[in-house]
PDB file of N, CA and C in Angstrom:
ATOM      1  N   MET A   1       0.852  -1.178   0.000  1.00  0.00           N
ATOM      2  CA  MET A   1       0.000   0.000   0.000  1.00  0.00           C
ATOM      3  C   MET A   1       0.899   1.243   0.000  1.00  0.00           C
ATOM      4  N   PRO A   2       0.731   2.117  -0.969  1.00  0.00           N
ATOM      5  CA  PRO A   2       1.590   3.302  -1.040  1.00  0.00           C
ATOM      6  C   PRO A   2       1.229   4.320   0.026  1.00  0.00           C
ATOM      7  N   ALA A   3       2.137   5.240   0.226  1.00  0.00           N
ATOM      8  CA  ALA A   3       1.912   6.306   1.198  1.00  0.00           C
ATOM      9  C   ALA A   3       0.816   7.237   0.690  1.00  0.00           C
ATOM     10  N   THR A   4       0.000   7.724   1.621  1.00  0.00           N
ATOM     11  CA  THR A   4      -1.067   8.651   1.261  1.00  0.00           C
ATOM     12  C   THR A   4      -0.782  10.007   1.886  1.00  0.00           C
ATOM     13  N   GLY A   5      -1.268  11.064   1.270  1.00  0.00           N
ATOM     14  CA  GLY A   5      -1.046  12.414   1.753  1.00  0.00           C
ATOM     15  C   GLY A   5      -1.933  12.736   2.942  1.00  0.00           C
ATOM     16  N   ILE A   6      -1.365  13.408   3.956  1.00  0.00           N
ATOM     17  CA  ILE A   6      -2.122  13.850   5.119  1.00  0.00           C
ATOM     18  C   ILE A   6      -1.781  15.308   5.404  1.00  0.00           C
ATOM     19  N   THR A   7      -2.649  15.986   6.136  1.00  0.00           N
ATOM     20  CA  THR A   7      -2.450  17.378   6.507  1.00  0.00           C
ATOM     21  C   THR A   7      -2.247  17.463   8.009  1.00  0.00           C
ATOM     22  N   LEU A   8      -1.265  18.269   8.429  1.00  0.00           N
ATOM     23  CA  LEU A   8      -1.008  18.485   9.851  1.00  0.00           C
ATOM     24  C   LEU A   8      -1.572  19.845  10.252  1.00  0.00           C
ATOM     25  N   ARG A   9      -2.306  19.871  11.362  1.00  0.00           N
ATOM     26  CA  ARG A   9      -2.988  21.081  11.814  1.00  0.00           C
ATOM     27  C   ARG A   9      -2.458  21.502  13.189  1.00  0.00           C
ATOM     28  N   CYS A  10      -2.232  22.800  13.375  1.00  0.00           N
ATOM     29  CA  CYS A  10      -1.768  23.347  14.654  1.00  0.00           C
ATOM     30  C   CYS A  10      -2.879  23.188  15.692  1.00  0.00           C
ATOM     31  N   GLU A  11      -2.528  22.720  16.884  1.00  0.00           N
ATOM     32  CA  GLU A  11      -3.512  22.505  17.948  1.00  0.00           C
ATOM     33  C   GLU A  11      -3.941  23.794  18.623  1.00  0.00           C
ATOM     34  N   GLU A  12      -3.156  24.866  18.515  1.00  0.00           N
ATOM     35  CA  GLU A  12      -3.509  26.129  19.172  1.00  0.00           C
ATOM     36  C   GLU A  12      -4.390  27.007  18.292  1.00  0.00           C
ATOM     37  N   CYS A  13      -3.967  27.265  17.054  1.00  0.00           N
ATOM     38  CA  CYS A  13      -4.736  28.177  16.196  1.00  0.00           C
ATOM     39  C   CYS A  13      -5.546  27.452  15.123  1.00  0.00           C
ATOM     40  N   LYS A  14      -5.418  26.122  15.018  1.00  0.00           N
ATOM     41  CA  LYS A  14      -6.163  25.280  14.072  1.00  0.00           C
ATOM     42  C   LYS A  14      -5.837  25.573  12.604  1.00  0.00           C
ATOM     43  N   MET A  15      -4.682  26.186  12.344  1.00  0.00           N
ATOM     44  CA  MET A  15      -4.267  26.452  10.972  1.00  0.00           C
ATOM     45  C   MET A  15      -3.593  25.214  10.392  1.00  0.00           C
ATOM     46  N   GLU A  16      -3.921  24.872   9.168  1.00  0.00           N
ATOM     47  CA  GLU A  16      -3.327  23.717   8.495  1.00  0.00           C
ATOM     48  C   GLU A  16      -2.027  24.173   7.833  1.00  0.00           C
ATOM     49  N   ASN A  17      -0.891  23.777   8.427  1.00  0.00           N
ATOM     50  CA  ASN A  17       0.400  24.305   8.012  1.00  0.00           C
ATOM     51  C   ASN A  17       1.228  23.367   7.146  1.00  0.00           C
ATOM     52  N   TYR A  18       1.142  22.075   7.371  1.00  0.00           N
ATOM     53  CA  TYR A  18       2.057  21.135   6.727  1.00  0.00           C
ATOM     54  C   TYR A  18       1.302  20.020   6.023  1.00  0.00           C
ATOM     55  N   ILE A  19       1.868  19.566   4.906  1.00  0.00           N
ATOM     56  CA  ILE A  19       1.363  18.410   4.178  1.00  0.00           C
ATOM     57  C   ILE A  19       2.505  17.399   4.130  1.00  0.00           C
ATOM     58  N   THR A  20       2.206  16.155   4.481  1.00  0.00           N
ATOM     59  CA  THR A  20       3.223  15.105   4.489  1.00  0.00           C
ATOM     60  C   THR A  20       2.587  13.801   4.044  1.00  0.00           C
ATOM     61  N   LYS A  21       3.366  12.742   3.996  1.00  0.00           N
ATOM     62  CA  LYS A  21       2.865  11.434   3.600  1.00  0.00           C
ATOM     63  C   LYS A  21       3.101  10.440   4.712  1.00  0.00           C
ATOM     64  N   LYS A  22       2.221   9.435   4.810  1.00  0.00           N
ATOM     65  CA  LYS A  22       2.437   8.339   5.745  1.00  0.00           C
ATOM     66  C   LYS A  22       1.841   7.074   5.160  1.00  0.00           C
ATOM     67  N   ASN A  23       2.422   5.962   5.544  1.00  0.00           N
ATOM     68  CA  ASN A  23       1.932   4.661   5.132  1.00  0.00           C
ATOM     69  C   ASN A  23       0.905   4.215   6.172  1.00  0.00           C
ATOM     70  N   LYS A  24      -0.357   4.186   5.812  1.00  0.00           N
ATOM     71  CA  LYS A  24      -1.421   3.853   6.760  1.00  0.00           C
ATOM     72  C   LYS A  24      -1.388   2.391   7.195  1.00  0.00           C
ATOM     73  N   LYS A  25      -0.713   1.544   6.447  1.00  0.00           N
ATOM     74  CA  LYS A  25      -0.601   0.143   6.834  1.00  0.00           C
ATOM     75  C   LYS A  25       0.382  -0.026   7.997  1.00  0.00           C
ATOM     76  N   ASN A  26       1.479   0.722   7.991  1.00  0.00           N
ATOM     77  CA  ASN A  26       2.491   0.625   9.039  1.00  0.00           C
ATOM     78  C   ASN A  26       2.176   1.511  10.233  1.00  0.00           C
ATOM     79  N   THR A  27       1.590   2.677  10.003  1.00  0.00           N
ATOM     80  CA  THR A  27       1.296   3.649  11.057  1.00  0.00           C
ATOM     81  C   THR A  27      -0.210   3.835  11.121  1.00  0.00           C
ATOM     82  N   VAL A  28      -0.851   3.128  12.033  1.00  0.00           N
ATOM     83  CA  VAL A  28      -2.309   3.172  12.119  1.00  0.00           C
ATOM     84  C   VAL A  28      -2.776   4.395  12.909  1.00  0.00           C
ATOM     85  N   GLU A  29      -2.073   4.733  14.006  1.00  0.00           N
ATOM     86  CA  GLU A  29      -2.489   5.858  14.839  1.00  0.00           C
ATOM     87  C   GLU A  29      -2.171   7.190  14.155  1.00  0.00           C
ATOM     88  N   LYS A  30      -2.795   8.258  14.652  1.00  0.00           N
ATOM     89  CA  LYS A  30      -2.596   9.581  14.068  1.00  0.00           C
ATOM     90  C   LYS A  30      -1.238  10.144  14.457  1.00  0.00           C
ATOM     91  N   ILE A  31      -0.643  10.898  13.533  1.00  0.00           N
ATOM     92  CA  ILE A  31       0.665  11.495  13.757  1.00  0.00           C
ATOM     93  C   ILE A  31       0.509  12.745  14.618  1.00  0.00           C
ATOM     94  N   ASP A  32       1.435  12.931  15.576  1.00  0.00           N
ATOM     95  CA  ASP A  32       1.471  14.111  16.435  1.00  0.00           C
ATOM     96  C   ASP A  32       2.920  14.579  16.516  1.00  0.00           C
ATOM     97  N   LEU A  33       3.236  15.724  15.875  1.00  0.00           N
ATOM     98  CA  LEU A  33       4.601  16.230  15.815  1.00  0.00           C
ATOM     99  C   LEU A  33       4.666  17.657  16.344  1.00  0.00           C
ATOM    100  N   LYS A  34       5.825  18.042  16.880  1.00  0.00           N
ATOM    101  CA  LYS A  34       6.053  19.435  17.266  1.00  0.00           C
ATOM    102  C   LYS A  34       6.699  20.118  16.070  1.00  0.00           C
ATOM    103  N   LYS A  35       5.986  21.100  15.520  1.00  0.00           N
ATOM    104  CA  LYS A  35       6.471  21.825  14.353  1.00  0.00           C
ATOM    105  C   LYS A  35       6.291  23.318  14.594  1.00  0.00           C
ATOM    106  N   HIS A  36       6.933  24.128  13.773  1.00  0.00           N
ATOM    107  CA  HIS A  36       6.815  25.576  13.894  1.00  0.00           C
ATOM    108  C   HIS A  36       5.541  26.050  13.199  1.00  0.00           C
ATOM    109  N   CYS A  37       4.731  26.804  13.928  1.00  0.00           N
ATOM    110  CA  CYS A  37       3.517  27.393  13.350  1.00  0.00           C
ATOM    111  C   CYS A  37       3.831  28.827  12.956  1.00  0.00           C
ATOM    112  N   HIS A  38       3.533  29.187  11.720  1.00  0.00           N
ATOM    113  CA  HIS A  38       3.852  30.515  11.217  1.00  0.00           C
ATOM    114  C   HIS A  38       2.906  31.573  11.771  1.00  0.00           C
ATOM    115  N   ARG A  39       1.693  31.197  12.094  1.00  0.00           N
ATOM    116  CA  ARG A  39       0.736  32.144  12.666  1.00  0.00           C
ATOM    117  C   ARG A  39       1.035  32.401  14.141  1.00  0.00           C
ATOM    118  N   CYS A  40       1.285  31.331  14.913  1.00  0.00           N
ATOM    119  CA  CYS A  40       1.593  31.470  16.354  1.00  0.00           C
ATOM    120  C   CYS A  40       3.029  31.946  16.576  1.00  0.00           C
ATOM    121  N   ASN A  41       3.888  31.748  15.588  1.00  0.00           N
ATOM    122  CA  ASN A  41       5.301  32.103  15.641  1.00  0.00           C
ATOM    123  C   ASN A  41       6.028  31.389  16.784  1.00  0.00           C
ATOM    124  N   LYS A  42       5.711  30.108  16.993  1.00  0.00           N
ATOM    125  CA  LYS A  42       6.394  29.276  17.979  1.00  0.00           C
ATOM    126  C   LYS A  42       6.190  27.813  17.624  1.00  0.00           C
ATOM    127  N   HIS A  43       6.929  26.938  18.285  1.00  0.00           N
ATOM    128  CA  HIS A  43       6.783  25.507  18.073  1.00  0.00           C
ATOM    129  C   HIS A  43       5.573  25.008  18.849  1.00  0.00           C
ATOM    130  N   THR A  44       4.641  24.377  18.144  1.00  0.00           N
ATOM    131  CA  THR A  44       3.432  23.853  18.775  1.00  0.00           C
ATOM    132  C   THR A  44       3.203  22.427  18.299  1.00  0.00           C
ATOM    133  N   SER A  45       2.270  21.778  18.935  1.00  0.00           N
ATOM    134  CA  SER A  45       1.898  20.420  18.562  1.00  0.00           C
ATOM    135  C   SER A  45       1.035  20.463  17.306  1.00  0.00           C
ATOM    136  N   HIS A  46       1.401  19.674  16.318  1.00  0.00           N
ATOM    137  CA  HIS A  46       0.625  19.555  15.088  1.00  0.00           C
ATOM    138  C   HIS A  46       0.132  18.121  14.973  1.00  0.00           C
ATOM    139  N   LYS A  47      -1.187  17.960  14.846  1.00  0.00           N
ATOM    140  CA  LYS A  47      -1.780  16.632  14.737  1.00  0.00           C
ATOM    141  C   LYS A  47      -2.370  16.428  13.349  1.00  0.00           C
ATOM    142  N   GLU A  48      -2.489  15.170  13.017  1.00  0.00           N
ATOM    143  CA  GLU A  48      -3.070  14.791  11.725  1.00  0.00           C
ATOM    144  C   GLU A  48      -4.546  15.158  11.685  1.00  0.00           C
ATOM    145  N   LYS A  49      -4.926  15.800  10.593  1.00  0.00           N
ATOM    146  CA  LYS A  49      -6.327  16.179  10.393  1.00  0.00           C
ATOM    147  C   LYS A  49      -7.141  14.957   9.998  1.00  0.00           C
ATOM    148  N   LYS A  50      -8.428  14.939  10.354  1.00  0.00           N
ATOM    149  CA  LYS A  50      -9.299  13.815   9.999  1.00  0.00           C
ATOM    150  C   LYS A  50      -9.382  13.633   8.505  1.00  0.00           C
TER     151      LYS A  50
END
């Protein structure tokens, strides 16, 4: 199964900042990464959008 595109959303301001790929067969749970939010201007938690 090839990797599918997902969107990462900032947990503080709810802005969709990043697009990445993940293999849904290997990684079943949602991705949660600390990334820089351009609107908040700080590193915040970014979770996978539904």
